[in-house]
Structure formats: C-alpha cells, structure tokens
PDB file of N, CA and C in Angstrom:
ATOM      1  N   MET A   1      68.155 126.979-172.881  1.00  0.00           N
ATOM      2  CA  MET A   1      67.519 126.178-171.835  1.00  0.00           C
ATOM      3  C   MET A   1      68.318 126.353-170.545  1.00  0.00           C
ATOM      4  N   ASP A   2      67.614 126.538-169.436  1.00  0.00           N
ATOM      5  CA  ASP A   2      68.318 126.696-168.161  1.00  0.00           C
ATOM      6  C   ASP A   2      68.777 125.329-167.638  1.00  0.00           C
ATOM      7  N   LEU A   3      69.783 125.354-166.780  1.00  0.00           N
ATOM      8  CA  LEU A   3      70.384 124.111-166.285  1.00  0.00           C
ATOM      9  C   LEU A   3      69.431 123.275-165.444  1.00  0.00           C
ATOM     10  N   ASP A   4      68.546 123.901-164.684  1.00  0.00           N
ATOM     11  CA  ASP A   4      67.593 123.124-163.884  1.00  0.00           C
ATOM     12  C   ASP A   4      66.705 122.267-164.778  1.00  0.00           C
ATOM     13  N   THR A   5      66.199 122.850-165.856  1.00  0.00           N
ATOM     14  CA  THR A   5      65.361 122.109-166.805  1.00  0.00           C
ATOM     15  C   THR A   5      66.159 120.976-167.438  1.00  0.00           C
ATOM     16  N   PHE A   6      67.392 121.279-167.828  1.00  0.00           N
ATOM     17  CA  PHE A   6      68.240 120.278-168.468  1.00  0.00           C
ATOM     18  C   PHE A   6      68.546 119.125-167.512  1.00  0.00           C
ATOM     19  N   TYR A   7      68.970 119.430-166.303  1.00  0.00           N
ATOM     20  CA  TYR A   7      69.307 118.384-165.330  1.00  0.00           C
ATOM     21  C   TYR A   7      68.077 117.555-164.942  1.00  0.00           C
ATOM     22  N   THR A   8      66.920 118.180-164.855  1.00  0.00           N
ATOM     23  CA  THR A   8      65.688 117.433-164.570  1.00  0.00           C
ATOM     24  C   THR A   8      65.413 116.448-165.694  1.00  0.00           C
ATOM     25  N   ALA A   9      65.578 116.891-166.931  1.00  0.00           N
ATOM     26  CA  ALA A   9      65.374 116.012-168.085  1.00  0.00           C
ATOM     27  C   ALA A   9      66.376 114.863-168.075  1.00  0.00           C
ATOM     28  N   VAL A  10      67.618 115.153-167.728  1.00  0.00           N
ATOM     29  CA  VAL A  10      68.653 114.114-167.636  1.00  0.00           C
ATOM     30  C   VAL A  10      68.260 113.091-166.575  1.00  0.00           C
ATOM     31  N   GLN A  11      67.893 113.562-165.404  1.00  0.00           N
ATOM     32  CA  GLN A  11      67.539 112.669-164.295  1.00  0.00           C
ATOM     33  C   GLN A  11      66.352 111.778-164.642  1.00  0.00           C
ATOM     34  N   LYS A  12      65.375 112.329-165.339  1.00  0.00           N
ATOM     35  CA  LYS A  12      64.154 111.585-165.662  1.00  0.00           C
ATOM     36  C   LYS A  12      64.260 110.781-166.952  1.00  0.00           C
ATOM     37  N   GLY A  13      65.357 110.946-167.680  1.00  0.00           N
ATOM     38  CA  GLY A  13      65.538 110.186-168.911  1.00  0.00           C
ATOM     39  C   GLY A  13      64.755 110.726-170.091  1.00  0.00           C
ATOM     40  N   ASN A  14      64.475 112.010-170.086  1.00  0.00           N
ATOM     41  CA  ASN A  14      63.715 112.633-171.165  1.00  0.00           C
ATOM     42  C   ASN A  14      64.670 112.989-172.309  1.00  0.00           C
ATOM     43  N   VAL A  15      64.863 112.033-173.202  1.00  0.00           N
ATOM     44  CA  VAL A  15      65.838 112.167-174.284  1.00  0.00           C
ATOM     45  C   VAL A  15      65.526 113.371-175.166  1.00  0.00           C
ATOM     46  N   GLN A  16      64.264 113.585-175.461  1.00  0.00           N
ATOM     47  CA  GLN A  16      63.869 114.685-176.339  1.00  0.00           C
ATOM     48  C   GLN A  16      64.281 116.047-175.761  1.00  0.00           C
ATOM     49  N   THR A  17      64.007 116.259-174.493  1.00  0.00           N
ATOM     50  CA  THR A  17      64.362 117.532-173.862  1.00  0.00           C
ATOM     51  C   THR A  17      65.877 117.670-173.735  1.00  0.00           C
ATOM     52  N   VAL A  18      66.557 116.584-173.417  1.00  0.00           N
ATOM     53  CA  VAL A  18      68.024 116.620-173.344  1.00  0.00           C
ATOM     54  C   VAL A  18      68.591 116.995-174.709  1.00  0.00           C
ATOM     55  N   ARG A  19      68.061 116.395-175.757  1.00  0.00           N
ATOM     56  CA  ARG A  19      68.528 116.707-177.113  1.00  0.00           C
ATOM     57  C   ARG A  19      68.317 118.199-177.425  1.00  0.00           C
ATOM     58  N   ARG A  20      67.158 118.733-177.030  1.00  0.00           N
ATOM     59  CA  ARG A  20      66.892 120.163-177.253  1.00  0.00           C
ATOM     60  C   ARG A  20      67.913 121.020-176.501  1.00  0.00           C
ATOM     61  N   GLY A  21      68.234 120.622-175.280  1.00  0.00           N
ATOM     62  CA  GLY A  21      69.239 121.357-174.515  1.00  0.00           C
ATOM     63  C   GLY A  21      70.599 121.323-175.185  1.00  0.00           C
ATOM     64  N   LEU A  22      70.967 120.163-175.681  1.00  0.00           N
ATOM     65  CA  LEU A  22      72.246 120.030-176.375  1.00  0.00           C
ATOM     66  C   LEU A  22      72.256 120.878-177.638  1.00  0.00           C
ATOM     67  N   ASP A  23      71.149 120.852-178.377  1.00  0.00           N
ATOM     68  CA  ASP A  23      71.040 121.670-179.589  1.00  0.00           C
ATOM     69  C   ASP A  23      71.107 123.159-179.264  1.00  0.00           C
ATOM     70  N   ALA A  24      70.631 123.529-178.077  1.00  0.00           N
ATOM     71  CA  ALA A  24      70.655 124.932-177.643  1.00  0.00           C
ATOM     72  C   ALA A  24      72.022 125.334-177.081  1.00  0.00           C
ATOM     73  N   GLY A  25      72.927 124.371-176.965  1.00  0.00           N
ATOM     74  CA  GLY A  25      74.288 124.690-176.554  1.00  0.00           C
ATOM     75  C   GLY A  25      74.599 124.554-175.077  1.00  0.00           C
ATOM     76  N   VAL A  26      73.845 123.726-174.350  1.00  0.00           N
ATOM     77  CA  VAL A  26      74.172 123.495-172.938  1.00  0.00           C
ATOM     78  C   VAL A  26      75.614 122.989-172.849  1.00  0.00           C
ATOM     79  N   ASP A  27      76.376 123.564-171.958  1.00  0.00           N
ATOM     80  CA  ASP A  27      77.783 123.214-171.774  1.00  0.00           C
ATOM     81  C   ASP A  27      77.883 121.984-170.868  1.00  0.00           C
ATOM     82  N   LEU A  28      78.351 120.881-171.412  1.00  0.00           N
ATOM     83  CA  LEU A  28      78.437 119.629-170.659  1.00  0.00           C
ATOM     84  C   LEU A  28      79.569 119.626-169.639  1.00  0.00           C
ATOM     85  N   ARG A  29      80.425 120.631-169.670  1.00  0.00           N
ATOM     86  CA  ARG A  29      81.511 120.722-168.685  1.00  0.00           C
ATOM     87  C   ARG A  29      81.051 121.371-167.388  1.00  0.00           C
ATOM     88  N   VAL A  30      79.897 122.026-167.436  1.00  0.00           N
ATOM     89  CA  VAL A  30      79.388 122.730-166.256  1.00  0.00           C
ATOM     90  C   VAL A  30      79.048 121.736-165.158  1.00  0.00           C
ATOM     91  N   LYS A  31      79.428 122.086-163.933  1.00  0.00           N
ATOM     92  CA  LYS A  31      79.066 121.282-162.761  1.00  0.00           C
ATOM     93  C   LYS A  31      78.018 122.044-161.969  1.00  0.00           C
ATOM     94  N   LYS A  32      77.043 121.312-161.464  1.00  0.00           N
ATOM     95  CA  LYS A  32      75.932 121.935-160.750  1.00  0.00           C
ATOM     96  C   LYS A  32      75.614 121.125-159.502  1.00  0.00           C
ATOM     97  N   LYS A  33      75.263 121.820-158.436  1.00  0.00           N
ATOM     98  CA  LYS A  33      74.756 121.124-157.245  1.00  0.00           C
ATOM     99  C   LYS A  33      73.384 120.595-157.620  1.00  0.00           C
ATOM    100  N   TRP A  34      73.170 119.303-157.414  1.00  0.00           N
ATOM    101  CA  TRP A  34      71.916 118.685-157.827  1.00  0.00           C
ATOM    102  C   TRP A  34      71.465 117.709-156.753  1.00  0.00           C
ATOM    103  N   GLY A  35      70.267 117.904-156.262  1.00  0.00           N
ATOM    104  CA  GLY A  35      69.757 117.035-155.209  1.00  0.00           C
ATOM    105  C   GLY A  35      70.644 117.140-153.986  1.00  0.00           C
ATOM    106  N   LEU A  36      71.005 116.005-153.434  1.00  0.00           N
ATOM    107  CA  LEU A  36      71.856 115.983-152.245  1.00  0.00           C
ATOM    108  C   LEU A  36      73.338 115.966-152.591  1.00  0.00           C
ATOM    109  N   SER A  37      73.641 115.944-153.879  1.00  0.00           N
ATOM    110  CA  SER A  37      75.027 115.809-154.309  1.00  0.00           C
ATOM    111  C   SER A  37      75.675 117.157-154.561  1.00  0.00           C
ATOM    112  N   ASP A  38      76.979 117.189-154.379  1.00  0.00           N
ATOM    113  CA  ASP A  38      77.739 118.393-154.672  1.00  0.00           C
ATOM    114  C   ASP A  38      77.873 118.564-156.175  1.00  0.00           C
ATOM    115  N   ASP A  39      78.590 119.584-156.553  1.00  0.00           N
ATOM    116  CA  ASP A  39      78.710 119.922-157.962  1.00  0.00           C
ATOM    117  C   ASP A  39      79.134 118.714-158.789  1.00  0.00           C
ATOM    118  N   GLN A  40      78.356 118.483-159.840  1.00  0.00           N
ATOM    119  CA  GLN A  40      78.575 117.334-160.712  1.00  0.00           C
ATOM    120  C   GLN A  40      78.085 117.671-162.114  1.00  0.00           C
ATOM    121  N   THR A  41      78.554 116.913-163.085  1.00  0.00           N
ATOM    122  CA  THR A  41      78.125 117.130-164.462  1.00  0.00           C
ATOM    123  C   THR A  41      76.809 116.402-164.726  1.00  0.00           C
ATOM    124  N   SER A  42      76.227 116.713-165.858  1.00  0.00           N
ATOM    125  CA  SER A  42      74.991 116.031-166.248  1.00  0.00           C
ATOM    126  C   SER A  42      75.242 114.537-166.465  1.00  0.00           C
ATOM    127  N   LEU A  43      76.446 114.156-166.878  1.00  0.00           N
ATOM    128  CA  LEU A  43      76.744 112.730-167.039  1.00  0.00           C
ATOM    129  C   LEU A  43      76.759 112.023-165.687  1.00  0.00           C
ATOM    130  N   HIS A  44      77.198 112.690-164.640  1.00  0.00           N
ATOM    131  CA  HIS A  44      77.100 112.115-163.292  1.00  0.00           C
ATOM    132  C   HIS A  44      75.636 111.813-162.958  1.00  0.00           C
ATOM    133  N   VAL A  45      74.758 112.770-163.244  1.00  0.00           N
ATOM    134  CA  VAL A  45      73.333 112.620-162.924  1.00  0.00           C
ATOM    135  C   VAL A  45      72.731 111.471-163.725  1.00  0.00           C
ATOM    136  N   ALA A  46      72.995 111.428-165.022  1.00  0.00           N
ATOM    137  CA  ALA A  46      72.471 110.346-165.859  1.00  0.00           C
ATOM    138  C   ALA A  46      72.976 108.996-165.362  1.00  0.00           C
ATOM    139  N   SER A  47      74.233 108.936-164.980  1.00  0.00           N
ATOM    140  CA  SER A  47      74.840 107.681-164.526  1.00  0.00           C
ATOM    141  C   SER A  47      74.239 107.206-163.212  1.00  0.00           C
ATOM    142  N   LEU A  48      74.098 108.109-162.264  1.00  0.00           N
ATOM    143  CA  LEU A  48      73.528 107.757-160.965  1.00  0.00           C
ATOM    144  C   LEU A  48      72.103 107.229-161.098  1.00  0.00           C
ATOM    145  N   HIS A  49      71.341 107.813-162.004  1.00  0.00           N
ATOM    146  CA  HIS A  49      69.933 107.443-162.159  1.00  0.00           C
ATOM    147  C   HIS A  49      69.711 106.361-163.216  1.00  0.00           C
ATOM    148  N   GLY A  50      70.788 105.823-163.772  1.00  0.00           N
ATOM    149  CA  GLY A  50      70.664 104.730-164.731  1.00  0.00           C
ATOM    150  C   GLY A  50      69.991 105.126-166.027  1.00  0.00           C
ATOM    151  N   GLN A  51      70.152 106.359-166.419  1.00  0.00           N
ATOM    152  CA  GLN A  51      69.556 106.843-167.670  1.00  0.00           C
ATOM    153  C   GLN A  51      70.556 106.605-168.805  1.00  0.00           C
ATOM    154  N   THR A  52      70.628 105.343-169.225  1.00  0.00           N
ATOM    155  CA  THR A  52      71.646 104.914-170.182  1.00  0.00           C
ATOM    156  C   THR A  52      71.489 105.590-171.533  1.00  0.00           C
ATOM    157  N   LYS A  53      70.270 105.749-172.024  1.00  0.00           N
ATOM    158  CA  LYS A  53      70.066 106.413-173.325  1.00  0.00           C
ATOM    159  C   LYS A  53      70.521 107.866-173.264  1.00  0.00           C
ATOM    160  N   VAL A  54      70.209 108.527-172.178  1.00  0.00           N
ATOM    161  CA  VAL A  54      70.643 109.915-172.009  1.00  0.00           C
ATOM    162  C   VAL A  54      72.163 109.962-171.882  1.00  0.00           C
ATOM    163  N   ALA A  55      72.744 109.060-171.116  1.00  0.00           N
ATOM    164  CA  ALA A  55      74.202 109.025-170.968  1.00  0.00           C
ATOM    165  C   ALA A  55      74.870 108.841-172.330  1.00  0.00           C
ATOM    166  N   ALA A  56      74.325 107.963-173.153  1.00  0.00           N
ATOM    167  CA  ALA A  56      74.880 107.736-174.492  1.00  0.00           C
ATOM    168  C   ALA A  56      74.826 109.018-175.322  1.00  0.00           C
ATOM    169  N   LEU A  57      73.728 109.729-175.231  1.00  0.00           N
ATOM    170  CA  LEU A  57      73.577 110.988-175.962  1.00  0.00           C
ATOM    171  C   LEU A  57      74.585 112.030-175.465  1.00  0.00           C
ATOM    172  N   LEU A  58      74.757 112.114-174.162  1.00  0.00           N
ATOM    173  CA  LEU A  58      75.728 113.057-173.598  1.00  0.00           C
ATOM    174  C   LEU A  58      77.148 112.708-174.051  1.00  0.00           C
ATOM    175  N   ILE A  59      77.470 111.429-174.053  1.00  0.00           N
ATOM    176  CA  ILE A  59      78.797 110.983-174.502  1.00  0.00           C
ATOM    177  C   ILE A  59      78.993 111.330-175.975  1.00  0.00           C
ATOM    178  N   GLU A  60      77.957 111.091-176.790  1.00  0.00           N
ATOM    179  CA  GLU A  60      78.000 111.449-178.214  1.00  0.00           C
ATOM    180  C   GLU A  60      78.347 112.921-178.405  1.00  0.00           C
ATOM    181  N   HIS A  61      77.878 113.747-177.492  1.00  0.00           N
ATOM    182  CA  HIS A  61      78.088 115.189-177.587  1.00  0.00           C
ATOM    183  C   HIS A  61      79.316 115.662-176.807  1.00  0.00           C
ATOM    184  N   GLY A  62      80.155 114.731-176.393  1.00  0.00           N
ATOM    185  CA  GLY A  62      81.444 115.095-175.818  1.00  0.00           C
ATOM    186  C   GLY A  62      81.529 115.191-174.309  1.00  0.00           C
ATOM    187  N   ALA A  63      80.562 114.619-173.586  1.00  0.00           N
ATOM    188  CA  ALA A  63      80.634 114.639-172.121  1.00  0.00           C
ATOM    189  C   ALA A  63      81.930 113.968-171.656  1.00  0.00           C
ATOM    190  N   ASP A  64      82.506 114.499-170.616  1.00  0.00           N
ATOM    191  CA  ASP A  64      83.774 114.010-170.070  1.00  0.00           C
ATOM    192  C   ASP A  64      83.532 112.787-169.184  1.00  0.00           C
ATOM    193  N   LEU A  65      84.011 111.638-169.636  1.00  0.00           N
ATOM    194  CA  LEU A  65      83.851 110.389-168.891  1.00  0.00           C
ATOM    195  C   LEU A  65      84.615 110.401-167.572  1.00  0.00           C
ATOM    196  N   GLU A  66      85.633 111.230-167.480  1.00  0.00           N
ATOM    197  CA  GLU A  66      86.484 111.249-166.288  1.00  0.00           C
ATOM    198  C   GLU A  66      86.260 112.484-165.412  1.00  0.00           C
ATOM    199  N   ALA A  67      85.196 113.225-165.662  1.00  0.00           N
ATOM    200  CA  ALA A  67      84.891 114.396-164.828  1.00  0.00           C
ATOM    201  C   ALA A  67      84.711 113.944-163.383  1.00  0.00           C
ATOM    202  N   ARG A  68      85.145 114.777-162.455  1.00  0.00           N
ATOM    203  CA  ARG A  68      85.058 114.458-161.022  1.00  0.00           C
ATOM    204  C   ARG A  68      84.089 115.417-160.346  1.00  0.00           C
ATOM    205  N   ASP A  69      83.263 114.882-159.440  1.00  0.00           N
ATOM    206  CA  ASP A  69      82.432 115.776-158.637  1.00  0.00           C
ATOM    207  C   ASP A  69      83.348 116.497-157.648  1.00  0.00           C
ATOM    208  N   ASP A  70      82.881 117.608-157.123  1.00  0.00           N
ATOM    209  CA  ASP A  70      83.749 118.445-156.289  1.00  0.00           C
ATOM    210  C   ASP A  70      83.957 117.925-154.871  1.00  0.00           C
ATOM    211  N   ARG A  71      83.077 117.099-154.374  1.00  0.00           N
ATOM    212  CA  ARG A  71      83.187 116.664-152.976  1.00  0.00           C
ATOM    213  C   ARG A  71      83.995 115.379-152.803  1.00  0.00           C
ATOM    214  N   PHE A  72      83.613 114.345-153.534  1.00  0.00           N
ATOM    215  CA  PHE A  72      84.247 113.035-153.348  1.00  0.00           C
ATOM    216  C   PHE A  72      85.195 112.653-154.482  1.00  0.00           C
ATOM    217  N   GLN A  73      85.282 113.505-155.491  1.00  0.00           N
ATOM    218  CA  GLN A  73      86.130 113.227-156.651  1.00  0.00           C
ATOM    219  C   GLN A  73      85.695 111.952-157.374  1.00  0.00           C
ATOM    220  N   GLU A  74      84.388 111.734-157.431  1.00  0.00           N
ATOM    221  CA  GLU A  74      83.851 110.557-158.115  1.00  0.00           C
ATOM    222  C   GLU A  74      83.605 110.854-159.588  1.00  0.00           C
ATOM    223  N   THR A  75      83.816 109.828-160.405  1.00  0.00           N
ATOM    224  CA  THR A  75      83.529 109.912-161.835  1.00  0.00           C
ATOM    225  C   THR A  75      82.098 109.432-162.090  1.00  0.00           C
ATOM    226  N   PRO A  76      81.590 109.639-163.302  1.00  0.00           N
ATOM    227  CA  PRO A  76      80.280 109.073-163.632  1.00  0.00           C
ATOM    228  C   PRO A  76      80.231 107.549-163.435  1.00  0.00           C
ATOM    229  N   LEU A  77      81.335 106.859-163.707  1.00  0.00           N
ATOM    230  CA  LEU A  77      81.362 105.407-163.499  1.00  0.00           C
ATOM    231  C   LEU A  77      81.192 105.063-162.022  1.00  0.00           C
ATOM    232  N   HIS A  78      81.826 105.817-161.138  1.00  0.00           N
ATOM    233  CA  HIS A  78      81.619 105.592-159.702  1.00  0.00           C
ATOM    234  C   HIS A  78      80.134 105.704-159.364  1.00  0.00           C
ATOM    235  N   ARG A  79      79.483 106.738-159.898  1.00  0.00           N
ATOM    236  CA  ARG A  79      78.065 106.974-159.595  1.00  0.00           C
ATOM    237  C   ARG A  79      77.193 105.842-160.125  1.00  0.00           C
ATOM    238  N   ALA A  80      77.461 105.402-161.342  1.00  0.00           N
ATOM    239  CA  ALA A  80      76.673 104.310-161.920  1.00  0.00           C
ATOM    240  C   ALA A  80      76.860 103.028-161.112  1.00  0.00           C
ATOM    241  N   ALA A  81      78.100 102.733-160.745  1.00  0.00           N
ATOM    242  CA  ALA A  81      78.378 101.516-159.976  1.00  0.00           C
ATOM    243  C   ALA A  81      77.726 101.579-158.597  1.00  0.00           C
ATOM    244  N   ALA A  82      77.814 102.734-157.938  1.00  0.00           N
ATOM    245  CA  ALA A  82      77.223 102.886-156.605  1.00  0.00           C
ATOM    246  C   ALA A  82      75.713 102.704-156.647  1.00  0.00           C
ATOM    247  N   GLY A  83      75.111 103.082-157.758  1.00  0.00           N
ATOM    248  CA  GLY A  83      73.665 102.948-157.904  1.00  0.00           C
ATOM    249  C   GLY A  83      73.229 101.604-158.463  1.00  0.00           C
ATOM    250  N   GLY A  84      74.189 100.716-158.733  1.00  0.00           N
ATOM    251  CA  GLY A  84      73.851  99.405-159.285  1.00  0.00           C
ATOM    252  C   GLY A  84      73.335  99.480-160.711  1.00  0.00           C
ATOM    253  N   ARG A  85      73.775 100.476-161.453  1.00  0.00           N
ATOM    254  CA  ARG A  85      73.287 100.713-162.817  1.00  0.00           C
ATOM    255  C   ARG A  85      74.184  99.996-163.829  1.00  0.00           C
ATOM    256  N   THR A  86      74.002  98.694-163.921  1.00  0.00           N
ATOM    257  CA  THR A  86      74.867  97.839-164.733  1.00  0.00           C
ATOM    258  C   THR A  86      74.928  98.269-166.193  1.00  0.00           C
ATOM    259  N   GLY A  87      73.779  98.551-166.783  1.00  0.00           N
ATOM    260  CA  GLY A  87      73.747  98.956-168.189  1.00  0.00           C
ATOM    261  C   GLY A  87      74.524 100.234-168.432  1.00  0.00           C
ATOM    262  N   THR A  88      74.395 101.169-167.523  1.00  0.00           N
ATOM    263  CA  THR A  88      75.116 102.432-167.655  1.00  0.00           C
ATOM    264  C   THR A  88      76.609 102.209-167.437  1.00  0.00           C
ATOM    265  N   CYS A  89      76.964 101.353-166.492  1.00  0.00           N
ATOM    266  CA  CYS A  89      78.384 101.012-166.288  1.00  0.00           C
ATOM    267  C   CYS A  89      78.976 100.440-167.570  1.00  0.00           C
ATOM    268  N   LYS A  90      78.270  99.517-168.178  1.00  0.00           N
ATOM    269  CA  LYS A  90      78.763  98.901-169.420  1.00  0.00           C
ATOM    270  C   LYS A  90      78.963  99.944-170.509  1.00  0.00           C
ATOM    271  N   LEU A  91      78.009 100.861-170.631  1.00  0.00           N
ATOM    272  CA  LEU A  91      78.121 101.930-171.628  1.00  0.00           C
ATOM    273  C   LEU A  91      79.366 102.772-171.372  1.00  0.00           C
ATOM    274  N   LEU A  92      79.550 103.210-170.146  1.00  0.00           N
ATOM    275  CA  LEU A  92      80.696 104.053-169.806  1.00  0.00           C
ATOM    276  C   LEU A  92      82.012 103.330-170.071  1.00  0.00           C
ATOM    277  N   ILE A  93      82.089 102.074-169.686  1.00  0.00           N
ATOM    278  CA  ILE A  93      83.311 101.289-169.905  1.00  0.00           C
ATOM    279  C   ILE A  93      83.558 101.095-171.396  1.00  0.00           C
ATOM    280  N   ARG A  94      82.503 100.806-172.133  1.00  0.00           N
ATOM    281  CA  ARG A  94      82.620 100.615-173.585  1.00  0.00           C
ATOM    282  C   ARG A  94      83.173 101.880-174.260  1.00  0.00           C
ATOM    283  N   HIS A  95      82.874 103.030-173.695  1.00  0.00           N
ATOM    284  CA  HIS A  95      83.352 104.289-174.272  1.00  0.00           C
ATOM    285  C   HIS A  95      84.677 104.752-173.661  1.00  0.00           C
ATOM    286  N   GLY A  96      85.275 103.924-172.825  1.00  0.00           N
ATOM    287  CA  GLY A  96      86.625 104.208-172.350  1.00  0.00           C
ATOM    288  C   GLY A  96      86.762 104.758-170.946  1.00  0.00           C
ATOM    289  N   ALA A  97      85.714 104.683-170.137  1.00  0.00           N
ATOM    290  CA  ALA A  97      85.828 105.147-168.750  1.00  0.00           C
ATOM    291  C   ALA A  97      86.920 104.357-168.031  1.00  0.00           C
ATOM    292  N   ASP A  98      87.680 105.039-167.221  1.00  0.00           N
ATOM    293  CA  ASP A  98      88.792 104.427-166.491  1.00  0.00           C
ATOM    294  C   ASP A  98      88.259 103.594-165.323  1.00  0.00           C
ATOM    295  N   VAL A  99      88.382 102.285-165.449  1.00  0.00           N
ATOM    296  CA  VAL A  99      87.873 101.390-164.404  1.00  0.00           C
ATOM    297  C   VAL A  99      88.802 101.344-163.187  1.00  0.00           C
ATOM    298  N   THR A 100      89.971 101.958-163.293  1.00  0.00           N
ATOM    299  CA  THR A 100      90.902 101.975-162.160  1.00  0.00           C
ATOM    300  C   THR A 100      90.872 103.308-161.403  1.00  0.00           C
ATOM    301  N   ALA A 101      90.020 104.229-161.832  1.00  0.00           N
ATOM    302  CA  ALA A 101      89.945 105.544-161.175  1.00  0.00           C
ATOM    303  C   ALA A 101      89.492 105.378-159.731  1.00  0.00           C
ATOM    304  N   ARG A 102      90.113 106.132-158.846  1.00  0.00           N
ATOM    305  CA  ARG A 102      89.767 106.077-157.419  1.00  0.00           C
ATOM    306  C   ARG A 102      89.170 107.405-156.992  1.00  0.00           C
ATOM    307  N   ASP A 103      88.234 107.319-156.070  1.00  0.00           N
ATOM    308  CA  ASP A 103      87.680 108.536-155.482  1.00  0.00           C
ATOM    309  C   ASP A 103      88.437 108.831-154.194  1.00  0.00           C
ATOM    310  N   GLU A 104      88.000 109.866-153.484  1.00  0.00           N
ATOM    311  CA  GLU A 104      88.661 110.171-152.213  1.00  0.00           C
ATOM    312  C   GLU A 104      88.016 109.369-151.169  1.00  0.00           C
TER     313      GLU A 104
END
C-alpha cells in the first residue's frame, strides 16, 4: 500500500484500510509531508484528527509515541492537545506519552 492511501485512511479513521496497510508492512517510522504540516508520522496525523481507534491500532503495532515532526519538534500528544482531541490525548498518556515533552 502506498503512503498516500495509508495516510488518507489514518486521517479519515478508516480502521480497515489502516489495518490492511499495517498487514502489508507500512513502516510506522516513516515521516511524510501531509497537508499543511511538515514531515510527520501516521500517529501524528491520527492524533491531530482525533482518530483514537486508529491511534490505538498504530500504537499496538509499535508507533513511536515520542516521534517528533521535522519543523516544530512536536509529538503526537502535542498534535492531539492542539486539536482539542481529549480522547486521543488520554489514549496517548495511558500508553506512556511524555506529558512534559516540549516543542520548539
């Protein structure tokens, strides 16, 4: 599965397509320019858009909770908090996201 298809599924919360991408071996460490944002992981995208079920699936498959985007050095938790995505914030914190992490 190509990254554009995977990231679109992540953004829209399409769990089935995300699962297919994971089964096909999509690398969760890859950072991609997506929308107006600089290079970020799929967990950043799920977090920003409040796709909590997708975020949980990505975490299950080893997504890095502390990955930083290339421009602002934000973590997925920063993105979820900035978007007011309370449920996603709770999920990330429950799985050990660093609540003291600072961006630039």
